[in-house]
Amino acid sequence: SIFTLASEPFSLITMSDTNMVYKIKPLQGSNNYSEWASQVIDVLVDQDLDEYIVGDSRSQPLHPVLIADWKKKTKKAAAQIRLRVAAAPRAYIKDCNVASEAWDILKGLYEPKGAIALVQARRRLLHAKCEEGEDIVDHLARMKNWYNEVLALDPEFKDAEYGSFLVTSLPDSWDPWV
């Protein structure tokens, strides 16, 4: 089901085997790919299905005894991915029954790459501002996600530089703490 919470759509999925509820904003495009991918991997890890998008189980096994189980689990992992994708990106993977295929398509389309992606990620950190009254925990989580995006594109990015971006993004009421 898709619900609206605080004016943002979220996909709420209850898993019968674990009774877990996962609250993940559906993949819209490159603007939320990094955060979405991290959360979907966590869901797949929780369900012991992550190996179908990373690792040895990406490819169908050769042994006939293992093929049926592999097909069932990779199809289940692909469904978990599709359930967490908005309509526009879903068009690219709607017929994928192999999790690694769906994952690779979305990654190829939306994963930030290259110099332009690095500039955009750094710009998000530079221009971030937590307004007075805004939830500071949400702001810090958003900043951490953007920091991780920059690190993925530029492993030489310094913690001190991130610290200065973080401190300058805080509302004026936080000045005594800074």
N, C-alpha and C. Protein backbone atom coordinates (compact mmCIF):
# COMPACT_ATOMS: atom_id res chain seq x y z
N SER A 1 0.84 -1.18 0.00
CA SER A 1 0.00 0.00 0.00
C SER A 1 0.87 1.23 0.00
N ILE A 2 0.37 2.30 -0.57
CA ILE A 2 1.07 3.58 -0.53
C ILE A 2 0.27 4.50 0.39
N PHE A 3 0.93 5.06 1.38
CA PHE A 3 0.32 5.97 2.32
C PHE A 3 1.02 7.31 2.22
N THR A 4 0.34 8.37 2.64
CA THR A 4 0.97 9.67 2.67
C THR A 4 1.21 10.02 4.13
N LEU A 5 2.47 10.21 4.48
CA LEU A 5 2.87 10.61 5.81
C LEU A 5 3.69 11.88 5.68
N ALA A 6 3.26 12.93 6.34
CA ALA A 6 3.99 14.20 6.30
C ALA A 6 4.24 14.62 4.86
N SER A 7 3.23 14.50 4.01
CA SER A 7 3.25 14.88 2.60
C SER A 7 4.27 14.13 1.76
N GLU A 8 4.78 12.97 2.23
CA GLU A 8 5.68 12.15 1.43
C GLU A 8 5.09 10.75 1.32
N PRO A 9 5.06 10.18 0.10
CA PRO A 9 4.54 8.82 -0.02
C PRO A 9 5.56 7.82 0.50
N PHE A 10 5.07 6.82 1.20
CA PHE A 10 5.93 5.75 1.70
C PHE A 10 5.28 4.43 1.36
N SER A 11 6.09 3.44 1.11
CA SER A 11 5.62 2.09 0.86
C SER A 11 5.69 1.33 2.17
N LEU A 12 4.55 0.90 2.68
CA LEU A 12 4.52 0.12 3.92
C LEU A 12 4.21 -1.32 3.55
N ILE A 13 5.16 -2.19 3.79
CA ILE A 13 5.02 -3.59 3.44
C ILE A 13 5.17 -4.41 4.72
N THR A 14 4.21 -5.24 5.04
CA THR A 14 4.33 -6.14 6.18
C THR A 14 4.73 -7.51 5.66
N MET A 15 5.79 -8.05 6.21
CA MET A 15 6.28 -9.35 5.79
C MET A 15 5.73 -10.41 6.73
N SER A 16 5.06 -11.41 6.20
CA SER A 16 4.42 -12.42 7.03
C SER A 16 5.43 -13.29 7.78
N ASP A 17 6.59 -13.58 7.16
CA ASP A 17 7.55 -14.47 7.83
C ASP A 17 8.29 -13.78 8.97
N THR A 18 8.46 -12.48 8.91
CA THR A 18 9.22 -11.79 9.96
C THR A 18 8.37 -10.80 10.74
N ASN A 19 7.15 -10.54 10.28
CA ASN A 19 6.27 -9.54 10.88
C ASN A 19 6.92 -8.17 10.93
N MET A 20 7.81 -7.90 9.99
CA MET A 20 8.48 -6.60 9.92
C MET A 20 7.69 -5.67 9.02
N VAL A 21 7.72 -4.39 9.36
CA VAL A 21 7.15 -3.36 8.51
C VAL A 21 8.30 -2.47 8.07
N TYR A 22 8.44 -2.31 6.78
CA TYR A 22 9.51 -1.49 6.23
C TYR A 22 8.90 -0.20 5.69
N LYS A 23 9.41 0.92 6.13
CA LYS A 23 8.93 2.22 5.69
C LYS A 23 10.00 2.82 4.79
N ILE A 24 9.78 2.74 3.49
CA ILE A 24 10.76 3.20 2.51
C ILE A 24 10.06 4.09 1.50
N LYS A 25 10.62 5.26 1.27
CA LYS A 25 10.10 6.11 0.22
C LYS A 25 10.44 5.45 -1.12
N PRO A 26 9.46 5.26 -1.99
CA PRO A 26 9.73 4.59 -3.27
C PRO A 26 10.77 5.33 -4.11
N LEU A 27 11.51 4.57 -4.90
CA LEU A 27 12.48 5.15 -5.82
C LEU A 27 11.75 6.02 -6.83
N GLN A 28 12.15 7.29 -6.88
CA GLN A 28 11.56 8.23 -7.83
C GLN A 28 12.49 8.43 -9.03
N GLY A 29 13.79 8.36 -8.75
CA GLY A 29 14.80 8.62 -9.78
C GLY A 29 16.14 8.83 -9.13
N SER A 30 17.03 9.53 -9.81
CA SER A 30 18.38 9.72 -9.30
C SER A 30 18.42 10.57 -8.03
N ASN A 31 17.38 11.39 -7.82
CA ASN A 31 17.37 12.27 -6.64
C ASN A 31 17.29 11.50 -5.32
N ASN A 32 16.72 10.30 -5.30
CA ASN A 32 16.66 9.54 -4.05
C ASN A 32 17.24 8.13 -4.19
N TYR A 33 17.99 7.88 -5.26
CA TYR A 33 18.51 6.54 -5.51
C TYR A 33 19.42 6.04 -4.39
N SER A 34 20.38 6.84 -3.97
CA SER A 34 21.36 6.37 -2.99
C SER A 34 20.71 5.93 -1.69
N GLU A 35 19.82 6.76 -1.16
CA GLU A 35 19.14 6.41 0.08
C GLU A 35 18.23 5.19 -0.12
N TRP A 36 17.51 5.18 -1.23
CA TRP A 36 16.61 4.06 -1.55
C TRP A 36 17.39 2.76 -1.65
N ALA A 37 18.50 2.76 -2.38
CA ALA A 37 19.30 1.54 -2.58
C ALA A 37 19.79 0.99 -1.25
N SER A 38 20.25 1.87 -0.39
CA SER A 38 20.74 1.45 0.92
C SER A 38 19.62 0.79 1.73
N GLN A 39 18.44 1.37 1.69
CA GLN A 39 17.31 0.82 2.45
C GLN A 39 16.83 -0.51 1.86
N VAL A 40 16.79 -0.62 0.55
CA VAL A 40 16.35 -1.87 -0.07
C VAL A 40 17.34 -2.99 0.22
N ILE A 41 18.62 -2.68 0.19
CA ILE A 41 19.61 -3.69 0.55
C ILE A 41 19.36 -4.17 1.98
N ASP A 42 19.06 -3.25 2.88
CA ASP A 42 18.76 -3.64 4.27
C ASP A 42 17.55 -4.57 4.34
N VAL A 43 16.52 -4.28 3.58
CA VAL A 43 15.33 -5.14 3.55
C VAL A 43 15.71 -6.52 3.03
N LEU A 44 16.48 -6.56 1.94
CA LEU A 44 16.87 -7.84 1.36
C LEU A 44 17.79 -8.62 2.30
N VAL A 45 18.66 -7.92 3.02
CA VAL A 45 19.50 -8.59 4.01
C VAL A 45 18.62 -9.20 5.09
N ASP A 46 17.64 -8.45 5.57
CA ASP A 46 16.74 -8.94 6.62
C ASP A 46 15.98 -10.19 6.16
N GLN A 47 15.71 -10.29 4.88
CA GLN A 47 14.97 -11.42 4.34
C GLN A 47 15.89 -12.51 3.76
N ASP A 48 17.20 -12.36 3.97
CA ASP A 48 18.19 -13.30 3.42
C ASP A 48 18.09 -13.43 1.90
N LEU A 49 17.84 -12.30 1.24
CA LEU A 49 17.72 -12.28 -0.22
C LEU A 49 18.77 -11.38 -0.88
N ASP A 50 19.64 -10.77 -0.10
CA ASP A 50 20.60 -9.82 -0.65
C ASP A 50 21.58 -10.47 -1.62
N GLU A 51 21.85 -11.76 -1.43
CA GLU A 51 22.81 -12.45 -2.30
C GLU A 51 22.31 -12.53 -3.74
N TYR A 52 21.02 -12.24 -3.97
CA TYR A 52 20.48 -12.31 -5.33
C TYR A 52 20.71 -11.01 -6.10
N ILE A 53 21.23 -9.98 -5.42
CA ILE A 53 21.63 -8.76 -6.13
C ILE A 53 23.13 -8.51 -6.02
N VAL A 54 23.76 -9.13 -5.02
CA VAL A 54 25.22 -9.03 -4.87
C VAL A 54 25.75 -10.42 -4.55
N GLY A 55 26.93 -10.74 -4.99
CA GLY A 55 27.53 -12.01 -4.61
C GLY A 55 27.31 -13.13 -5.60
N ASP A 56 27.54 -14.35 -5.12
CA ASP A 56 27.57 -15.54 -5.96
C ASP A 56 26.20 -15.96 -6.50
N SER A 57 25.12 -15.61 -5.83
CA SER A 57 23.80 -16.10 -6.23
C SER A 57 23.14 -15.23 -7.29
N ARG A 58 23.88 -14.26 -7.84
CA ARG A 58 23.32 -13.42 -8.90
C ARG A 58 23.00 -14.25 -10.14
N SER A 59 23.80 -15.25 -10.42
CA SER A 59 23.62 -16.07 -11.62
C SER A 59 22.94 -17.39 -11.27
N GLN A 60 22.14 -17.86 -12.20
CA GLN A 60 21.45 -19.13 -11.99
C GLN A 60 22.48 -20.25 -11.82
N PRO A 61 22.27 -21.09 -10.82
CA PRO A 61 23.21 -22.20 -10.60
C PRO A 61 23.13 -23.22 -11.74
N LEU A 62 24.17 -23.99 -11.88
CA LEU A 62 24.23 -25.01 -12.93
C LEU A 62 23.61 -26.33 -12.49
N HIS A 63 23.65 -26.59 -11.20
CA HIS A 63 23.14 -27.88 -10.69
C HIS A 63 21.62 -27.88 -10.73
N PRO A 64 21.00 -28.88 -11.38
CA PRO A 64 19.54 -28.93 -11.53
C PRO A 64 18.76 -28.89 -10.22
N VAL A 65 19.32 -29.45 -9.17
CA VAL A 65 18.63 -29.48 -7.88
C VAL A 65 18.48 -28.07 -7.29
N LEU A 66 19.42 -27.21 -7.58
CA LEU A 66 19.42 -25.86 -7.01
C LEU A 66 18.63 -24.84 -7.82
N ILE A 67 18.33 -25.16 -9.06
CA ILE A 67 17.70 -24.19 -9.97
C ILE A 67 16.33 -23.72 -9.49
N ALA A 68 15.45 -24.63 -9.07
CA ALA A 68 14.10 -24.26 -8.64
C ALA A 68 14.14 -23.31 -7.45
N ASP A 69 14.98 -23.60 -6.46
CA ASP A 69 15.10 -22.74 -5.28
C ASP A 69 15.64 -21.36 -5.67
N TRP A 70 16.64 -21.34 -6.55
CA TRP A 70 17.22 -20.08 -7.00
C TRP A 70 16.17 -19.23 -7.71
N LYS A 71 15.39 -19.85 -8.60
CA LYS A 71 14.36 -19.11 -9.35
C LYS A 71 13.32 -18.51 -8.39
N LYS A 72 12.92 -19.29 -7.40
CA LYS A 72 11.92 -18.82 -6.43
C LYS A 72 12.46 -17.62 -5.64
N LYS A 73 13.69 -17.73 -5.15
CA LYS A 73 14.23 -16.67 -4.30
C LYS A 73 14.61 -15.41 -5.09
N THR A 74 15.14 -15.57 -6.29
CA THR A 74 15.48 -14.37 -7.06
C THR A 74 14.22 -13.65 -7.52
N LYS A 75 13.16 -14.42 -7.79
CA LYS A 75 11.87 -13.82 -8.15
C LYS A 75 11.29 -13.06 -6.95
N LYS A 76 11.43 -13.62 -5.76
CA LYS A 76 10.96 -12.96 -4.53
C LYS A 76 11.76 -11.67 -4.29
N ALA A 77 13.07 -11.71 -4.47
CA ALA A 77 13.91 -10.52 -4.30
C ALA A 77 13.54 -9.45 -5.33
N ALA A 78 13.28 -9.87 -6.58
CA ALA A 78 12.88 -8.92 -7.62
C ALA A 78 11.55 -8.26 -7.25
N ALA A 79 10.63 -9.04 -6.69
CA ALA A 79 9.34 -8.48 -6.26
C ALA A 79 9.54 -7.45 -5.16
N GLN A 80 10.44 -7.73 -4.22
CA GLN A 80 10.71 -6.77 -3.15
C GLN A 80 11.25 -5.46 -3.71
N ILE A 81 12.06 -5.55 -4.74
CA ILE A 81 12.58 -4.34 -5.38
C ILE A 81 11.44 -3.59 -6.07
N ARG A 82 10.65 -4.29 -6.89
CA ARG A 82 9.56 -3.65 -7.63
C ARG A 82 8.55 -3.00 -6.70
N LEU A 83 8.29 -3.60 -5.53
CA LEU A 83 7.32 -3.03 -4.59
C LEU A 83 7.77 -1.70 -4.01
N ARG A 84 9.03 -1.38 -4.17
CA ARG A 84 9.59 -0.16 -3.58
C ARG A 84 10.04 0.83 -4.63
N VAL A 85 9.41 0.77 -5.81
CA VAL A 85 9.77 1.64 -6.92
C VAL A 85 8.50 2.35 -7.40
N ALA A 86 8.61 3.65 -7.61
CA ALA A 86 7.48 4.43 -8.11
C ALA A 86 7.16 4.01 -9.55
N ALA A 87 6.05 4.49 -10.06
CA ALA A 87 5.54 4.05 -11.37
C ALA A 87 6.53 4.29 -12.51
N ALA A 88 7.13 5.47 -12.57
CA ALA A 88 8.02 5.78 -13.70
C ALA A 88 9.23 4.84 -13.76
N PRO A 89 10.00 4.67 -12.69
CA PRO A 89 11.12 3.73 -12.76
C PRO A 89 10.67 2.27 -12.90
N ARG A 90 9.49 1.94 -12.38
CA ARG A 90 9.00 0.56 -12.44
C ARG A 90 8.82 0.11 -13.88
N ALA A 91 8.55 1.04 -14.78
CA ALA A 91 8.36 0.69 -16.19
C ALA A 91 9.59 -0.03 -16.75
N TYR A 92 10.77 0.30 -16.24
CA TYR A 92 12.00 -0.32 -16.74
C TYR A 92 12.20 -1.75 -16.23
N ILE A 93 11.56 -2.09 -15.11
CA ILE A 93 11.83 -3.40 -14.49
C ILE A 93 10.58 -4.24 -14.28
N LYS A 94 9.45 -3.79 -14.79
CA LYS A 94 8.18 -4.47 -14.50
C LYS A 94 8.16 -5.94 -14.91
N ASP A 95 8.94 -6.31 -15.91
CA ASP A 95 8.94 -7.69 -16.37
C ASP A 95 10.15 -8.49 -15.87
N CYS A 96 10.97 -7.89 -15.01
CA CYS A 96 12.16 -8.58 -14.51
C CYS A 96 11.77 -9.58 -13.42
N ASN A 97 12.14 -10.82 -13.60
CA ASN A 97 11.93 -11.84 -12.58
C ASN A 97 13.25 -12.29 -11.97
N VAL A 98 14.33 -11.69 -12.38
CA VAL A 98 15.65 -11.97 -11.82
C VAL A 98 16.09 -10.70 -11.09
N ALA A 99 16.31 -10.82 -9.78
CA ALA A 99 16.60 -9.66 -8.95
C ALA A 99 17.82 -8.88 -9.43
N SER A 100 18.88 -9.57 -9.79
CA SER A 100 20.10 -8.87 -10.20
C SER A 100 19.87 -8.07 -11.48
N GLU A 101 19.01 -8.56 -12.35
CA GLU A 101 18.69 -7.83 -13.59
C GLU A 101 17.97 -6.52 -13.26
N ALA A 102 16.94 -6.60 -12.40
CA ALA A 102 16.21 -5.40 -12.00
C ALA A 102 17.14 -4.42 -11.29
N TRP A 103 17.96 -4.94 -10.38
CA TRP A 103 18.88 -4.10 -9.62
C TRP A 103 19.86 -3.38 -10.55
N ASP A 104 20.44 -4.13 -11.48
CA ASP A 104 21.43 -3.55 -12.40
C ASP A 104 20.82 -2.49 -13.31
N ILE A 105 19.59 -2.71 -13.75
CA ILE A 105 18.91 -1.72 -14.59
C ILE A 105 18.72 -0.42 -13.81
N LEU A 106 18.19 -0.51 -12.59
CA LEU A 106 17.95 0.69 -11.79
C LEU A 106 19.27 1.38 -11.44
N LYS A 107 20.26 0.60 -11.09
CA LYS A 107 21.57 1.16 -10.76
C LYS A 107 22.16 1.89 -11.97
N GLY A 108 22.07 1.29 -13.13
CA GLY A 108 22.59 1.92 -14.35
C GLY A 108 21.87 3.21 -14.69
N LEU A 109 20.57 3.26 -14.41
CA LEU A 109 19.78 4.45 -14.72
C LEU A 109 19.96 5.57 -13.70
N TYR A 110 20.05 5.23 -12.41
CA TYR A 110 19.91 6.24 -11.38
C TYR A 110 21.10 6.45 -10.45
N GLU A 111 22.06 5.54 -10.42
CA GLU A 111 23.18 5.72 -9.52
C GLU A 111 24.01 6.92 -9.97
N PRO A 112 24.30 7.84 -9.04
CA PRO A 112 25.11 9.01 -9.41
C PRO A 112 26.50 8.57 -9.85
N LYS A 113 27.01 9.22 -10.93
CA LYS A 113 28.33 8.88 -11.45
C LYS A 113 29.02 10.15 -11.93
N GLY A 114 30.34 10.16 -11.86
CA GLY A 114 31.15 11.17 -12.51
C GLY A 114 31.20 12.51 -11.81
N ALA A 115 31.84 13.44 -12.49
CA ALA A 115 32.11 14.76 -11.93
C ALA A 115 30.84 15.55 -11.66
N ILE A 116 29.87 15.47 -12.55
CA ILE A 116 28.63 16.22 -12.35
C ILE A 116 27.90 15.73 -11.11
N ALA A 117 27.86 14.41 -10.92
CA ALA A 117 27.22 13.85 -9.72
C ALA A 117 27.93 14.32 -8.46
N LEU A 118 29.27 14.38 -8.49
CA LEU A 118 30.03 14.84 -7.34
C LEU A 118 29.72 16.31 -7.04
N VAL A 119 29.67 17.13 -8.06
CA VAL A 119 29.34 18.55 -7.87
C VAL A 119 27.94 18.68 -7.27
N GLN A 120 26.99 17.92 -7.78
CA GLN A 120 25.62 18.00 -7.25
C GLN A 120 25.55 17.53 -5.80
N ALA A 121 26.26 16.46 -5.47
CA ALA A 121 26.25 15.95 -4.09
C ALA A 121 26.90 16.96 -3.14
N ARG A 122 28.03 17.53 -3.54
CA ARG A 122 28.70 18.53 -2.70
C ARG A 122 27.83 19.77 -2.56
N ARG A 123 27.15 20.14 -3.62
CA ARG A 123 26.28 21.33 -3.59
C ARG A 123 25.13 21.12 -2.60
N ARG A 124 24.58 19.88 -2.54
CA ARG A 124 23.50 19.61 -1.57
C ARG A 124 24.01 19.85 -0.14
N LEU A 125 25.24 19.39 0.15
CA LEU A 125 25.81 19.61 1.48
C LEU A 125 26.05 21.10 1.74
N LEU A 126 26.60 21.77 0.75
CA LEU A 126 26.95 23.18 0.91
C LEU A 126 25.71 24.05 1.16
N HIS A 127 24.62 23.75 0.47
CA HIS A 127 23.42 24.59 0.55
C HIS A 127 22.39 24.08 1.55
N ALA A 128 22.70 23.01 2.26
CA ALA A 128 21.74 22.46 3.22
C ALA A 128 21.49 23.46 4.35
N LYS A 129 20.25 23.56 4.76
CA LYS A 129 19.89 24.46 5.85
C LYS A 129 18.74 23.84 6.63
N CYS A 130 18.92 23.69 7.92
CA CYS A 130 17.86 23.23 8.80
C CYS A 130 17.15 24.48 9.33
N GLU A 131 15.90 24.62 9.00
CA GLU A 131 15.15 25.79 9.43
C GLU A 131 14.75 25.65 10.89
N GLU A 132 14.53 26.78 11.55
CA GLU A 132 14.08 26.78 12.94
C GLU A 132 12.79 25.95 13.04
N GLY A 133 12.73 25.07 14.01
CA GLY A 133 11.55 24.24 14.22
C GLY A 133 11.54 22.95 13.42
N GLU A 134 12.44 22.84 12.45
CA GLU A 134 12.52 21.60 11.67
C GLU A 134 13.12 20.51 12.54
N ASP A 135 12.75 19.28 12.30
CA ASP A 135 13.25 18.14 13.07
C ASP A 135 14.75 17.98 12.82
N ILE A 136 15.55 18.18 13.85
CA ILE A 136 17.01 18.14 13.72
C ILE A 136 17.50 16.72 13.40
N VAL A 137 16.82 15.71 13.93
CA VAL A 137 17.22 14.32 13.66
C VAL A 137 17.05 14.00 12.17
N ASP A 138 15.93 14.44 11.60
CA ASP A 138 15.72 14.24 10.15
C ASP A 138 16.77 14.98 9.34
N HIS A 139 17.09 16.19 9.76
CA HIS A 139 18.10 16.98 9.06
C HIS A 139 19.46 16.29 9.11
N LEU A 140 19.85 15.82 10.29
CA LEU A 140 21.15 15.15 10.43
C LEU A 140 21.20 13.86 9.60
N ALA A 141 20.10 13.14 9.55
CA ALA A 141 20.05 11.91 8.74
C ALA A 141 20.20 12.25 7.26
N ARG A 142 19.53 13.30 6.83
CA ARG A 142 19.63 13.74 5.43
C ARG A 142 21.06 14.15 5.10
N MET A 143 21.69 14.90 6.02
CA MET A 143 23.07 15.33 5.82
C MET A 143 24.00 14.12 5.75
N LYS A 144 23.79 13.13 6.60
CA LYS A 144 24.64 11.92 6.61
C LYS A 144 24.50 11.16 5.29
N ASN A 145 23.27 11.08 4.77
CA ASN A 145 23.07 10.42 3.47
C ASN A 145 23.81 11.17 2.36
N TRP A 146 23.73 12.48 2.37
CA TRP A 146 24.43 13.27 1.35
C TRP A 146 25.94 13.13 1.49
N TYR A 147 26.41 13.07 2.73
CA TYR A 147 27.84 12.87 2.99
C TYR A 147 28.29 11.52 2.43
N ASN A 148 27.48 10.49 2.65
CA ASN A 148 27.82 9.16 2.12
C ASN A 148 27.84 9.17 0.59
N GLU A 149 26.94 9.93 -0.03
CA GLU A 149 26.94 10.05 -1.49
C GLU A 149 28.25 10.69 -1.96
N VAL A 150 28.68 11.76 -1.28
CA VAL A 150 29.93 12.42 -1.66
C VAL A 150 31.10 11.46 -1.47
N LEU A 151 31.13 10.75 -0.35
CA LEU A 151 32.21 9.79 -0.09
C LEU A 151 32.27 8.70 -1.15
N ALA A 152 31.11 8.24 -1.61
CA ALA A 152 31.08 7.21 -2.64
C ALA A 152 31.69 7.72 -3.95
N LEU A 153 31.53 9.00 -4.21
CA LEU A 153 32.06 9.59 -5.44
C LEU A 153 33.47 10.14 -5.27
N ASP A 154 33.82 10.52 -4.02
CA ASP A 154 35.12 11.11 -3.74
C ASP A 154 35.62 10.60 -2.39
N PRO A 155 36.32 9.46 -2.39
CA PRO A 155 36.80 8.88 -1.12
C PRO A 155 37.78 9.78 -0.37
N GLU A 156 38.33 10.79 -1.02
CA GLU A 156 39.27 11.71 -0.39
C GLU A 156 38.57 12.85 0.35
N PHE A 157 37.24 12.91 0.27
CA PHE A 157 36.49 13.96 0.95
C PHE A 157 36.78 13.91 2.45
N LYS A 158 37.08 15.03 3.02
CA LYS A 158 37.54 15.12 4.42
C LYS A 158 36.37 15.26 5.39
N ASP A 159 36.50 14.55 6.52
CA ASP A 159 35.50 14.66 7.59
C ASP A 159 35.38 16.10 8.08
N ALA A 160 36.49 16.80 8.13
CA ALA A 160 36.48 18.19 8.62
C ALA A 160 35.64 19.08 7.70
N GLU A 161 35.71 18.83 6.40
CA GLU A 161 34.91 19.62 5.47
C GLU A 161 33.42 19.31 5.68
N TYR A 162 33.10 18.03 5.86
CA TYR A 162 31.71 17.65 6.15
C TYR A 162 31.27 18.32 7.44
N GLY A 163 32.13 18.32 8.46
CA GLY A 163 31.81 18.95 9.73
C GLY A 163 31.46 20.42 9.57
N SER A 164 32.21 21.12 8.73
CA SER A 164 31.91 22.54 8.53
C SER A 164 30.59 22.71 7.79
N PHE A 165 30.28 21.85 6.82
CA PHE A 165 28.98 21.91 6.14
C PHE A 165 27.86 21.65 7.13
N LEU A 166 28.06 20.67 8.00
CA LEU A 166 27.04 20.29 8.97
C LEU A 166 26.77 21.43 9.95
N VAL A 167 27.82 21.99 10.51
CA VAL A 167 27.67 23.06 11.50
C VAL A 167 27.00 24.29 10.89
N THR A 168 27.38 24.65 9.67
CA THR A 168 26.78 25.83 9.04
C THR A 168 25.35 25.59 8.60
N SER A 169 24.91 24.34 8.55
CA SER A 169 23.54 24.05 8.14
C SER A 169 22.55 24.15 9.30
N LEU A 170 23.06 24.22 10.51
CA LEU A 170 22.18 24.23 11.69
C LEU A 170 21.48 25.59 11.85
N PRO A 171 20.30 25.59 12.46
CA PRO A 171 19.59 26.85 12.69
C PRO A 171 20.37 27.74 13.68
N ASP A 172 20.08 29.03 13.64
CA ASP A 172 20.75 30.00 14.51
C ASP A 172 20.61 29.65 15.98
N SER A 173 19.49 29.03 16.35
CA SER A 173 19.28 28.68 17.76
C SER A 173 20.29 27.65 18.26
N TRP A 174 21.01 27.02 17.38
CA TRP A 174 22.02 26.04 17.75
C TRP A 174 23.40 26.67 17.93
N ASP A 175 23.52 27.96 17.72
CA ASP A 175 24.82 28.64 17.84
C ASP A 175 25.52 28.38 19.20
N PRO A 176 24.80 28.39 20.33
CA PRO A 176 25.48 28.12 21.61
C PRO A 176 26.13 26.71 21.64
N TRP A 177 25.52 25.76 20.97
CA TRP A 177 26.06 24.40 20.93
C TRP A 177 27.26 24.31 19.98
N VAL A 178 27.23 25.11 18.92
CA VAL A 178 28.30 25.09 17.94
C VAL A 178 29.55 25.68 18.55
